[in-house]
mmCIF file of all heavy atoms, coordinates in Angstrom:
data_MODEL
# 
_entry.id   MODEL 
# 
loop_
_atom_site.group_PDB 
_atom_site.id 
_atom_site.type_symbol 
_atom_site.label_atom_id 
_atom_site.label_alt_id 
_atom_site.label_comp_id 
_atom_site.label_asym_id 
_atom_site.label_entity_id 
_atom_site.label_seq_id 
_atom_site.pdbx_PDB_ins_code 
_atom_site.Cartn_x 
_atom_site.Cartn_y 
_atom_site.Cartn_z 
_atom_site.occupancy 
_atom_site.B_iso_or_equiv 
_atom_site.pdbx_formal_charge 
_atom_site.auth_seq_id 
_atom_site.auth_comp_id 
_atom_site.auth_asym_id 
_atom_site.auth_atom_id 
_atom_site.pdbx_PDB_model_num 
ATOM 1   N N   . ASN A 1 1  ? -4.431  2.846  0.533   1.00 0.00 ? 1  ASN A N   1 
ATOM 2   C CA  . ASN A 1 1  ? -5.535  2.083  0.280   1.00 0.00 ? 1  ASN A CA  1 
ATOM 3   C C   . ASN A 1 1  ? -6.346  2.619  -0.840  1.00 0.00 ? 1  ASN A C   1 
ATOM 4   O O   . ASN A 1 1  ? -6.745  3.685  -0.801  1.00 0.00 ? 1  ASN A O   1 
ATOM 5   C CB  . ASN A 1 1  ? -6.471  1.992  1.545   1.00 0.00 ? 1  ASN A CB  1 
ATOM 6   C CG  . ASN A 1 1  ? -5.799  1.089  2.632   1.00 0.00 ? 1  ASN A CG  1 
ATOM 7   O OD1 . ASN A 1 1  ? -4.681  0.785  2.602   1.00 0.00 ? 1  ASN A OD1 1 
ATOM 8   N ND2 . ASN A 1 1  ? -6.542  0.966  3.785   1.00 0.00 ? 1  ASN A ND2 1 
ATOM 9   N N   . THR A 1 2  ? -6.634  1.797  -1.854  1.00 0.00 ? 2  THR A N   1 
ATOM 10  C CA  . THR A 1 2  ? -7.521  2.095  -3.067  1.00 0.00 ? 2  THR A CA  1 
ATOM 11  C C   . THR A 1 2  ? -8.645  1.353  -3.003  1.00 0.00 ? 2  THR A C   1 
ATOM 12  O O   . THR A 1 2  ? -8.705  0.126  -3.328  1.00 0.00 ? 2  THR A O   1 
ATOM 13  C CB  . THR A 1 2  ? -6.697  1.994  -4.356  1.00 0.00 ? 2  THR A CB  1 
ATOM 14  O OG1 . THR A 1 2  ? -5.451  2.685  -4.287  1.00 0.00 ? 2  THR A OG1 1 
ATOM 15  C CG2 . THR A 1 2  ? -7.540  2.490  -5.495  1.00 0.00 ? 2  THR A CG2 1 
ATOM 16  N N   . LEU A 1 3  ? -9.804  1.964  -2.703  1.00 0.00 ? 3  LEU A N   1 
ATOM 17  C CA  . LEU A 1 3  ? -11.067 1.229  -2.510  1.00 0.00 ? 3  LEU A CA  1 
ATOM 18  C C   . LEU A 1 3  ? -11.926 1.551  -3.781  1.00 0.00 ? 3  LEU A C   1 
ATOM 19  O O   . LEU A 1 3  ? -12.223 2.768  -3.960  1.00 0.00 ? 3  LEU A O   1 
ATOM 20  C CB  . LEU A 1 3  ? -11.722 1.689  -1.228  1.00 0.00 ? 3  LEU A CB  1 
ATOM 21  C CG  . LEU A 1 3  ? -13.188 1.122  -0.911  1.00 0.00 ? 3  LEU A CG  1 
ATOM 22  C CD1 . LEU A 1 3  ? -13.161 -0.400 -0.838  1.00 0.00 ? 3  LEU A CD1 1 
ATOM 23  C CD2 . LEU A 1 3  ? -13.763 1.713  0.406   1.00 0.00 ? 3  LEU A CD2 1 
ATOM 24  N N   . ASP A 1 4  ? -12.426 0.605  -4.449  1.00 0.00 ? 4  ASP A N   1 
ATOM 25  C CA  . ASP A 1 4  ? -13.247 0.788  -5.571  1.00 0.00 ? 4  ASP A CA  1 
ATOM 26  C C   . ASP A 1 4  ? -14.619 0.107  -5.369  1.00 0.00 ? 4  ASP A C   1 
ATOM 27  O O   . ASP A 1 4  ? -14.615 -1.195 -5.349  1.00 0.00 ? 4  ASP A O   1 
ATOM 28  C CB  . ASP A 1 4  ? -12.574 0.094  -6.862  1.00 0.00 ? 4  ASP A CB  1 
ATOM 29  C CG  . ASP A 1 4  ? -13.356 0.461  -8.121  1.00 0.00 ? 4  ASP A CG  1 
ATOM 30  O OD1 . ASP A 1 4  ? -14.550 0.623  -8.060  1.00 0.00 ? 4  ASP A OD1 1 
ATOM 31  O OD2 . ASP A 1 4  ? -12.723 0.463  -9.223  1.00 0.00 ? 4  ASP A OD2 1 
ATOM 32  N N   . TRP A 1 5  ? -15.615 0.884  -4.945  1.00 0.00 ? 5  TRP A N   1 
ATOM 33  C CA  . TRP A 1 5  ? -16.883 0.363  -4.658  1.00 0.00 ? 5  TRP A CA  1 
ATOM 34  C C   . TRP A 1 5  ? -17.627 -0.313 -5.955  1.00 0.00 ? 5  TRP A C   1 
ATOM 35  O O   . TRP A 1 5  ? -18.393 -1.264 -5.836  1.00 0.00 ? 5  TRP A O   1 
ATOM 36  C CB  . TRP A 1 5  ? -17.794 1.392  -4.188  1.00 0.00 ? 5  TRP A CB  1 
ATOM 37  C CG  . TRP A 1 5  ? -17.462 1.795  -2.735  1.00 0.00 ? 5  TRP A CG  1 
ATOM 38  C CD1 . TRP A 1 5  ? -16.939 3.091  -2.412  1.00 0.00 ? 5  TRP A CD1 1 
ATOM 39  C CD2 . TRP A 1 5  ? -17.570 1.122  -1.569  1.00 0.00 ? 5  TRP A CD2 1 
ATOM 40  N NE1 . TRP A 1 5  ? -16.746 3.115  -0.961  1.00 0.00 ? 5  TRP A NE1 1 
ATOM 41  C CE2 . TRP A 1 5  ? -17.148 1.888  -0.459  1.00 0.00 ? 5  TRP A CE2 1 
ATOM 42  C CE3 . TRP A 1 5  ? -18.015 -0.316 -1.410  1.00 0.00 ? 5  TRP A CE3 1 
ATOM 43  C CZ2 . TRP A 1 5  ? -17.148 1.397  0.805   1.00 0.00 ? 5  TRP A CZ2 1 
ATOM 44  C CZ3 . TRP A 1 5  ? -17.934 -0.714 0.028   1.00 0.00 ? 5  TRP A CZ3 1 
ATOM 45  C CH2 . TRP A 1 5  ? -17.516 0.114  1.068   1.00 0.00 ? 5  TRP A CH2 1 
ATOM 46  N N   . ARG A 1 6  ? -17.271 0.251  -7.125  1.00 0.00 ? 6  ARG A N   1 
ATOM 47  C CA  . ARG A 1 6  ? -17.936 -0.283 -8.313  1.00 0.00 ? 6  ARG A CA  1 
ATOM 48  C C   . ARG A 1 6  ? -17.336 -1.682 -8.617  1.00 0.00 ? 6  ARG A C   1 
ATOM 49  O O   . ARG A 1 6  ? -18.170 -2.556 -8.931  1.00 0.00 ? 6  ARG A O   1 
ATOM 50  C CB  . ARG A 1 6  ? -17.637 0.745  -9.504  1.00 0.00 ? 6  ARG A CB  1 
ATOM 51  C CG  . ARG A 1 6  ? -18.291 0.169  -10.824 1.00 0.00 ? 6  ARG A CG  1 
ATOM 52  C CD  . ARG A 1 6  ? -17.867 1.144  -11.897 1.00 0.00 ? 6  ARG A CD  1 
ATOM 53  N NE  . ARG A 1 6  ? -18.621 2.363  -11.991 1.00 0.00 ? 6  ARG A NE  1 
ATOM 54  C CZ  . ARG A 1 6  ? -18.200 3.550  -11.673 1.00 0.00 ? 6  ARG A CZ  1 
ATOM 55  N NH1 . ARG A 1 6  ? -16.909 3.674  -11.326 1.00 0.00 ? 6  ARG A NH1 1 
ATOM 56  N NH2 . ARG A 1 6  ? -18.921 4.585  -11.668 1.00 0.00 ? 6  ARG A NH2 1 
ATOM 57  N N   . GLN A 1 7  ? -16.086 -1.818 -8.487  1.00 0.00 ? 7  GLN A N   1 
ATOM 58  C CA  . GLN A 1 7  ? -15.477 -3.169 -8.828  1.00 0.00 ? 7  GLN A CA  1 
ATOM 59  C C   . GLN A 1 7  ? -15.509 -4.053 -7.532  1.00 0.00 ? 7  GLN A C   1 
ATOM 60  O O   . GLN A 1 7  ? -15.132 -5.206 -7.607  1.00 0.00 ? 7  GLN A O   1 
ATOM 61  C CB  . GLN A 1 7  ? -14.097 -3.026 -9.210  1.00 0.00 ? 7  GLN A CB  1 
ATOM 62  C CG  . GLN A 1 7  ? -13.794 -2.277 -10.557 1.00 0.00 ? 7  GLN A CG  1 
ATOM 63  C CD  . GLN A 1 7  ? -14.365 -3.075 -11.764 1.00 0.00 ? 7  GLN A CD  1 
ATOM 64  O OE1 . GLN A 1 7  ? -14.435 -4.214 -11.691 1.00 0.00 ? 7  GLN A OE1 1 
ATOM 65  N NE2 . GLN A 1 7  ? -14.580 -2.290 -12.897 1.00 0.00 ? 7  GLN A NE2 1 
ATOM 66  N N   . ARG A 1 8  ? -15.856 -3.354 -6.369  1.00 0.00 ? 8  ARG A N   1 
ATOM 67  C CA  . ARG A 1 8  ? -15.903 -4.110 -5.143  1.00 0.00 ? 8  ARG A CA  1 
ATOM 68  C C   . ARG A 1 8  ? -14.568 -4.742 -4.781  1.00 0.00 ? 8  ARG A C   1 
ATOM 69  O O   . ARG A 1 8  ? -14.337 -5.921 -4.721  1.00 0.00 ? 8  ARG A O   1 
ATOM 70  C CB  . ARG A 1 8  ? -16.981 -5.228 -5.138  1.00 0.00 ? 8  ARG A CB  1 
ATOM 71  C CG  . ARG A 1 8  ? -18.371 -4.597 -5.437  1.00 0.00 ? 8  ARG A CG  1 
ATOM 72  C CD  . ARG A 1 8  ? -19.441 -5.808 -5.405  1.00 0.00 ? 8  ARG A CD  1 
ATOM 73  N NE  . ARG A 1 8  ? -19.794 -6.285 -4.173  1.00 0.00 ? 8  ARG A NE  1 
ATOM 74  C CZ  . ARG A 1 8  ? -20.299 -7.400 -3.766  1.00 0.00 ? 8  ARG A CZ  1 
ATOM 75  N NH1 . ARG A 1 8  ? -20.454 -8.270 -4.832  1.00 0.00 ? 8  ARG A NH1 1 
ATOM 76  N NH2 . ARG A 1 8  ? -20.511 -7.761 -2.656  1.00 0.00 ? 8  ARG A NH2 1 
ATOM 77  N N   . SER A 1 9  ? -13.565 -3.863 -4.784  1.00 0.00 ? 9  SER A N   1 
ATOM 78  C CA  . SER A 1 9  ? -12.138 -4.378 -4.500  1.00 0.00 ? 9  SER A CA  1 
ATOM 79  C C   . SER A 1 9  ? -11.494 -3.278 -3.659  1.00 0.00 ? 9  SER A C   1 
ATOM 80  O O   . SER A 1 9  ? -11.836 -2.135 -3.742  1.00 0.00 ? 9  SER A O   1 
ATOM 81  C CB  . SER A 1 9  ? -11.479 -4.545 -5.784  1.00 0.00 ? 9  SER A CB  1 
ATOM 82  O OG  . SER A 1 9  ? -11.211 -3.357 -6.464  1.00 0.00 ? 9  SER A OG  1 
ATOM 83  N N   . LEU A 1 10 ? -10.567 -3.771 -2.812  1.00 0.00 ? 10 LEU A N   1 
ATOM 84  C CA  . LEU A 1 10 ? -9.689  -2.901 -1.983  1.00 0.00 ? 10 LEU A CA  1 
ATOM 85  C C   . LEU A 1 10 ? -8.252  -3.385 -2.193  1.00 0.00 ? 10 LEU A C   1 
ATOM 86  O O   . LEU A 1 10 ? -8.025  -4.517 -1.983  1.00 0.00 ? 10 LEU A O   1 
ATOM 87  C CB  . LEU A 1 10 ? -9.913  -3.010 -0.548  1.00 0.00 ? 10 LEU A CB  1 
ATOM 88  C CG  . LEU A 1 10 ? -9.102  -2.237 0.428   1.00 0.00 ? 10 LEU A CG  1 
ATOM 89  C CD1 . LEU A 1 10 ? -8.992  -0.677 0.193   1.00 0.00 ? 10 LEU A CD1 1 
ATOM 90  C CD2 . LEU A 1 10 ? -9.424  -2.504 1.889   1.00 0.00 ? 10 LEU A CD2 1 
ATOM 91  N N   . HIS A 1 11 ? -7.322  -2.551 -2.597  1.00 0.00 ? 11 HIS A N   1 
ATOM 92  C CA  . HIS A 1 11 ? -5.986  -2.812 -2.874  1.00 0.00 ? 11 HIS A CA  1 
ATOM 93  C C   . HIS A 1 11 ? -5.136  -2.038 -1.838  1.00 0.00 ? 11 HIS A C   1 
ATOM 94  O O   . HIS A 1 11 ? -5.313  -0.716 -1.856  1.00 0.00 ? 11 HIS A O   1 
ATOM 95  C CB  . HIS A 1 11 ? -5.610  -2.545 -4.264  1.00 0.00 ? 11 HIS A CB  1 
ATOM 96  C CG  . HIS A 1 11 ? -6.211  -3.469 -5.237  1.00 0.00 ? 11 HIS A CG  1 
ATOM 97  N ND1 . HIS A 1 11 ? -5.782  -4.740 -5.462  1.00 0.00 ? 11 HIS A ND1 1 
ATOM 98  C CD2 . HIS A 1 11 ? -7.217  -3.292 -6.055  1.00 0.00 ? 11 HIS A CD2 1 
ATOM 99  C CE1 . HIS A 1 11 ? -6.555  -5.413 -6.259  1.00 0.00 ? 11 HIS A CE1 1 
ATOM 100 N NE2 . HIS A 1 11 ? -7.453  -4.532 -6.773  1.00 0.00 ? 11 HIS A NE2 1 
ATOM 101 N N   . ILE A 1 12 ? -4.230  -2.608 -1.186  1.00 0.00 ? 12 ILE A N   1 
ATOM 102 C CA  . ILE A 1 12 ? -3.363  -1.987 -0.104  1.00 0.00 ? 12 ILE A CA  1 
ATOM 103 C C   . ILE A 1 12 ? -1.872  -2.124 -0.451  1.00 0.00 ? 12 ILE A C   1 
ATOM 104 O O   . ILE A 1 12 ? -1.427  -3.264 -0.687  1.00 0.00 ? 12 ILE A O   1 
ATOM 105 C CB  . ILE A 1 12 ? -3.731  -2.631 1.253   1.00 0.00 ? 12 ILE A CB  1 
ATOM 106 C CG1 . ILE A 1 12 ? -5.284  -2.709 1.556   1.00 0.00 ? 12 ILE A CG1 1 
ATOM 107 C CG2 . ILE A 1 12 ? -2.982  -1.839 2.367   1.00 0.00 ? 12 ILE A CG2 1 
ATOM 108 C CD1 . ILE A 1 12 ? -5.664  -3.664 2.689   1.00 0.00 ? 12 ILE A CD1 1 
ATOM 109 N N   . GLU A 1 13 ? -1.321  -1.038 -0.615  1.00 0.00 ? 13 GLU A N   1 
ATOM 110 C CA  . GLU A 1 13 ? 0.133   -1.020 -0.882  1.00 0.00 ? 13 GLU A CA  1 
ATOM 111 C C   . GLU A 1 13 ? 0.905   -0.374 0.277   1.00 0.00 ? 13 GLU A C   1 
ATOM 112 O O   . GLU A 1 13 ? 0.411   0.709  0.781   1.00 0.00 ? 13 GLU A O   1 
ATOM 113 C CB  . GLU A 1 13 ? 0.528   -0.203 -2.044  1.00 0.00 ? 13 GLU A CB  1 
ATOM 114 C CG  . GLU A 1 13 ? -0.147  -0.646 -3.410  1.00 0.00 ? 13 GLU A CG  1 
ATOM 115 C CD  . GLU A 1 13 ? 0.457   -1.974 -3.976  1.00 0.00 ? 13 GLU A CD  1 
ATOM 116 O OE1 . GLU A 1 13 ? 1.554   -2.359 -3.438  1.00 0.00 ? 13 GLU A OE1 1 
ATOM 117 O OE2 . GLU A 1 13 ? -0.103  -2.663 -4.765  1.00 0.00 ? 13 GLU A OE2 1 
ATOM 118 N N   . THR A 1 14 ? 1.801   -1.157 0.870   1.00 0.00 ? 14 THR A N   1 
ATOM 119 C CA  . THR A 1 14 ? 2.464   -0.621 2.051   1.00 0.00 ? 14 THR A CA  1 
ATOM 120 C C   . THR A 1 14 ? 4.066   -0.668 1.936   1.00 0.00 ? 14 THR A C   1 
ATOM 121 O O   . THR A 1 14 ? 4.558   -1.689 1.212   1.00 0.00 ? 14 THR A O   1 
ATOM 122 C CB  . THR A 1 14 ? 2.095   -1.522 3.232   1.00 0.00 ? 14 THR A CB  1 
ATOM 123 O OG1 . THR A 1 14 ? 0.707   -1.561 3.432   1.00 0.00 ? 14 THR A OG1 1 
ATOM 124 C CG2 . THR A 1 14 ? 2.805   -1.013 4.581   1.00 0.00 ? 14 THR A CG2 1 
ATOM 125 N N   . TYR A 1 15 ? 4.706   0.328  2.357   1.00 0.00 ? 15 TYR A N   1 
ATOM 126 C CA  . TYR A 1 15 ? 6.181   0.249  2.244   1.00 0.00 ? 15 TYR A CA  1 
ATOM 127 C C   . TYR A 1 15 ? 6.750   0.954  3.571   1.00 0.00 ? 15 TYR A C   1 
ATOM 128 O O   . TYR A 1 15 ? 6.000   1.766  4.224   1.00 0.00 ? 15 TYR A O   1 
ATOM 129 C CB  . TYR A 1 15 ? 6.712   0.932  0.951   1.00 0.00 ? 15 TYR A CB  1 
ATOM 130 C CG  . TYR A 1 15 ? 6.318   2.472  0.823   1.00 0.00 ? 15 TYR A CG  1 
ATOM 131 C CD1 . TYR A 1 15 ? 7.091   3.459  1.424   1.00 0.00 ? 15 TYR A CD1 1 
ATOM 132 C CD2 . TYR A 1 15 ? 5.104   2.851  0.298   1.00 0.00 ? 15 TYR A CD2 1 
ATOM 133 C CE1 . TYR A 1 15 ? 6.897   4.769  1.279   1.00 0.00 ? 15 TYR A CE1 1 
ATOM 134 C CE2 . TYR A 1 15 ? 4.804   4.151  0.167   1.00 0.00 ? 15 TYR A CE2 1 
ATOM 135 C CZ  . TYR A 1 15 ? 5.601   5.115  0.677   1.00 0.00 ? 15 TYR A CZ  1 
ATOM 136 O OH  . TYR A 1 15 ? 5.353   6.513  0.579   1.00 0.00 ? 15 TYR A OH  1 
ATOM 137 N N   . ASN A 1 16 ? 7.991   0.666  3.891   1.00 0.00 ? 16 ASN A N   1 
ATOM 138 C CA  . ASN A 1 16 ? 8.616   1.264  5.107   1.00 0.00 ? 16 ASN A CA  1 
ATOM 139 C C   . ASN A 1 16 ? 9.153   2.626  4.872   1.00 0.00 ? 16 ASN A C   1 
ATOM 140 O O   . ASN A 1 16 ? 9.761   2.915  3.800   1.00 0.00 ? 16 ASN A O   1 
ATOM 141 C CB  . ASN A 1 16 ? 9.641   0.278  5.480   1.00 0.00 ? 16 ASN A CB  1 
ATOM 142 C CG  . ASN A 1 16 ? 10.880  0.135  4.612   1.00 0.00 ? 16 ASN A CG  1 
ATOM 143 O OD1 . ASN A 1 16 ? 10.588  -0.222 3.494   1.00 0.00 ? 16 ASN A OD1 1 
ATOM 144 N ND2 . ASN A 1 16 ? 12.036  0.353  5.085   1.00 0.00 ? 16 ASN A ND2 1 
ATOM 145 N N   . GLU A 1 17 ? 9.010   3.475  5.866   1.00 0.00 ? 17 GLU A N   1 
ATOM 146 C CA  . GLU A 1 17 ? 9.509   4.847  5.754   1.00 0.00 ? 17 GLU A CA  1 
ATOM 147 C C   . GLU A 1 17 ? 10.842  4.828  6.607   1.00 0.00 ? 17 GLU A C   1 
ATOM 148 O O   . GLU A 1 17 ? 11.811  5.421  6.257   1.00 0.00 ? 17 GLU A O   1 
ATOM 149 C CB  . GLU A 1 17 ? 8.579   5.845  6.345   1.00 0.00 ? 17 GLU A CB  1 
ATOM 150 C CG  . GLU A 1 17 ? 8.860   7.257  6.202   1.00 0.00 ? 17 GLU A CG  1 
ATOM 151 C CD  . GLU A 1 17 ? 7.750   8.116  6.643   1.00 0.00 ? 17 GLU A CD  1 
ATOM 152 O OE1 . GLU A 1 17 ? 7.541   8.279  7.811   1.00 0.00 ? 17 GLU A OE1 1 
ATOM 153 O OE2 . GLU A 1 17 ? 7.078   8.887  5.785   1.00 0.00 ? 17 GLU A OE2 1 
ATOM 154 N N   . SER A 1 18 ? 10.757  4.083  7.717   1.00 0.00 ? 18 SER A N   1 
ATOM 155 C CA  . SER A 1 18 ? 11.996  3.956  8.523   1.00 0.00 ? 18 SER A CA  1 
ATOM 156 C C   . SER A 1 18 ? 13.068  3.090  7.881   1.00 0.00 ? 18 SER A C   1 
ATOM 157 O O   . SER A 1 18 ? 12.737  2.058  7.296   1.00 0.00 ? 18 SER A O   1 
ATOM 158 C CB  . SER A 1 18 ? 11.657  3.412  9.848   1.00 0.00 ? 18 SER A CB  1 
ATOM 159 O OG  . SER A 1 18 ? 10.671  4.202  10.595  1.00 0.00 ? 18 SER A OG  1 
ATOM 160 N N   . PHE A 1 19 ? 14.369  3.465  7.941   1.00 0.00 ? 19 PHE A N   1 
ATOM 161 C CA  . PHE A 1 19 ? 15.524  2.821  7.419   1.00 0.00 ? 19 PHE A CA  1 
ATOM 162 C C   . PHE A 1 19 ? 15.391  2.310  5.906   1.00 0.00 ? 19 PHE A C   1 
ATOM 163 O O   . PHE A 1 19 ? 15.740  1.238  5.473   1.00 0.00 ? 19 PHE A O   1 
ATOM 164 C CB  . PHE A 1 19 ? 15.708  1.502  8.297   1.00 0.00 ? 19 PHE A CB  1 
ATOM 165 C CG  . PHE A 1 19 ? 15.840  1.871  9.763   1.00 0.00 ? 19 PHE A CG  1 
ATOM 166 C CD1 . PHE A 1 19 ? 14.948  1.365  10.596  1.00 0.00 ? 19 PHE A CD1 1 
ATOM 167 C CD2 . PHE A 1 19 ? 16.905  2.483  10.156  1.00 0.00 ? 19 PHE A CD2 1 
ATOM 168 C CE1 . PHE A 1 19 ? 15.022  1.608  12.014  1.00 0.00 ? 19 PHE A CE1 1 
ATOM 169 C CE2 . PHE A 1 19 ? 17.118  2.715  11.587  1.00 0.00 ? 19 PHE A CE2 1 
ATOM 170 C CZ  . PHE A 1 19 ? 16.132  2.222  12.402  1.00 0.00 ? 19 PHE A CZ  1 
ATOM 171 N N   . SER A 1 20 ? 14.641  3.210  5.141   1.00 0.00 ? 20 SER A N   1 
ATOM 172 C CA  . SER A 1 20 ? 14.352  2.857  3.731   1.00 0.00 ? 20 SER A CA  1 
ATOM 173 C C   . SER A 1 20 ? 15.652  2.653  2.943   1.00 0.00 ? 20 SER A C   1 
ATOM 174 O O   . SER A 1 20 ? 15.588  2.047  1.799   1.00 0.00 ? 20 SER A O   1 
ATOM 175 C CB  . SER A 1 20 ? 13.510  3.927  3.165   1.00 0.00 ? 20 SER A CB  1 
ATOM 176 O OG  . SER A 1 20 ? 14.075  5.191  3.284   1.00 0.00 ? 20 SER A OG  1 
ATOM 177 N N   . THR A 1 21 ? 16.754  3.312  3.456   1.00 0.00 ? 21 THR A N   1 
ATOM 178 C CA  . THR A 1 21 ? 18.010  3.104  2.652   1.00 0.00 ? 21 THR A CA  1 
ATOM 179 C C   . THR A 1 21 ? 18.699  1.829  3.026   1.00 0.00 ? 21 THR A C   1 
ATOM 180 O O   . THR A 1 21 ? 19.591  1.413  2.319   1.00 0.00 ? 21 THR A O   1 
ATOM 181 C CB  . THR A 1 21 ? 18.957  4.336  2.904   1.00 0.00 ? 21 THR A CB  1 
ATOM 182 O OG1 . THR A 1 21 ? 19.245  4.415  4.291   1.00 0.00 ? 21 THR A OG1 1 
ATOM 183 C CG2 . THR A 1 21 ? 18.312  5.671  2.379   1.00 0.00 ? 21 THR A CG2 1 
ATOM 184 N N   . ARG A 1 22 ? 18.319  1.261  4.101   1.00 0.00 ? 22 ARG A N   1 
ATOM 185 C CA  . ARG A 1 22 ? 18.949  -0.024 4.631   1.00 0.00 ? 22 ARG A CA  1 
ATOM 186 C C   . ARG A 1 22 ? 18.067  -1.293 4.327   1.00 0.00 ? 22 ARG A C   1 
ATOM 187 O O   . ARG A 1 22 ? 18.624  -2.286 4.155   1.00 0.00 ? 22 ARG A O   1 
ATOM 188 C CB  . ARG A 1 22 ? 19.383  0.158  6.136   1.00 0.00 ? 22 ARG A CB  1 
ATOM 189 C CG  . ARG A 1 22 ? 20.235  1.214  6.378   1.00 0.00 ? 22 ARG A CG  1 
ATOM 190 C CD  . ARG A 1 22 ? 20.547  1.242  7.842   1.00 0.00 ? 22 ARG A CD  1 
ATOM 191 N NE  . ARG A 1 22 ? 21.540  2.370  8.287   1.00 0.00 ? 22 ARG A NE  1 
ATOM 192 C CZ  . ARG A 1 22 ? 22.708  2.063  8.299   1.00 0.00 ? 22 ARG A CZ  1 
ATOM 193 N NH1 . ARG A 1 22 ? 23.313  0.883  8.052   1.00 0.00 ? 22 ARG A NH1 1 
ATOM 194 N NH2 . ARG A 1 22 ? 23.677  3.105  8.589   1.00 0.00 ? 22 ARG A NH2 1 
ATOM 195 N N   . VAL A 1 23 ? 16.748  -0.983 4.514   1.00 0.00 ? 23 VAL A N   1 
ATOM 196 C CA  . VAL A 1 23 ? 15.833  -2.158 4.354   1.00 0.00 ? 23 VAL A CA  1 
ATOM 197 C C   . VAL A 1 23 ? 14.660  -1.715 3.480   1.00 0.00 ? 23 VAL A C   1 
ATOM 198 O O   . VAL A 1 23 ? 14.192  -0.669 3.576   1.00 0.00 ? 23 VAL A O   1 
ATOM 199 C CB  . VAL A 1 23 ? 15.289  -2.625 5.700   1.00 0.00 ? 23 VAL A CB  1 
ATOM 200 C CG1 . VAL A 1 23 ? 14.506  -3.837 5.546   1.00 0.00 ? 23 VAL A CG1 1 
ATOM 201 C CG2 . VAL A 1 23 ? 16.390  -2.844 6.707   1.00 0.00 ? 23 VAL A CG2 1 
ATOM 202 N N   . ILE A 1 24 ? 14.317  -2.571 2.444   1.00 0.00 ? 24 ILE A N   1 
ATOM 203 C CA  . ILE A 1 24 ? 13.181  -2.191 1.685   1.00 0.00 ? 24 ILE A CA  1 
ATOM 204 C C   . ILE A 1 24 ? 12.092  -3.235 1.850   1.00 0.00 ? 24 ILE A C   1 
ATOM 205 O O   . ILE A 1 24 ? 12.328  -4.535 1.672   1.00 0.00 ? 24 ILE A O   1 
ATOM 206 C CB  . ILE A 1 24 ? 13.602  -2.313 0.092   1.00 0.00 ? 24 ILE A CB  1 
ATOM 207 C CG1 . ILE A 1 24 ? 14.707  -1.195 -0.168  1.00 0.00 ? 24 ILE A CG1 1 
ATOM 208 C CG2 . ILE A 1 24 ? 12.378  -2.050 -0.761  1.00 0.00 ? 24 ILE A CG2 1 
ATOM 209 C CD1 . ILE A 1 24 ? 15.215  -1.234 -1.467  1.00 0.00 ? 24 ILE A CD1 1 
# 
């Protein structure tokens, strides 16, 4: 989570840790 109070924005990046070689 990247929260920027100045720009008033929250960007959320999510990726899987389980089975990362089989499913992305």
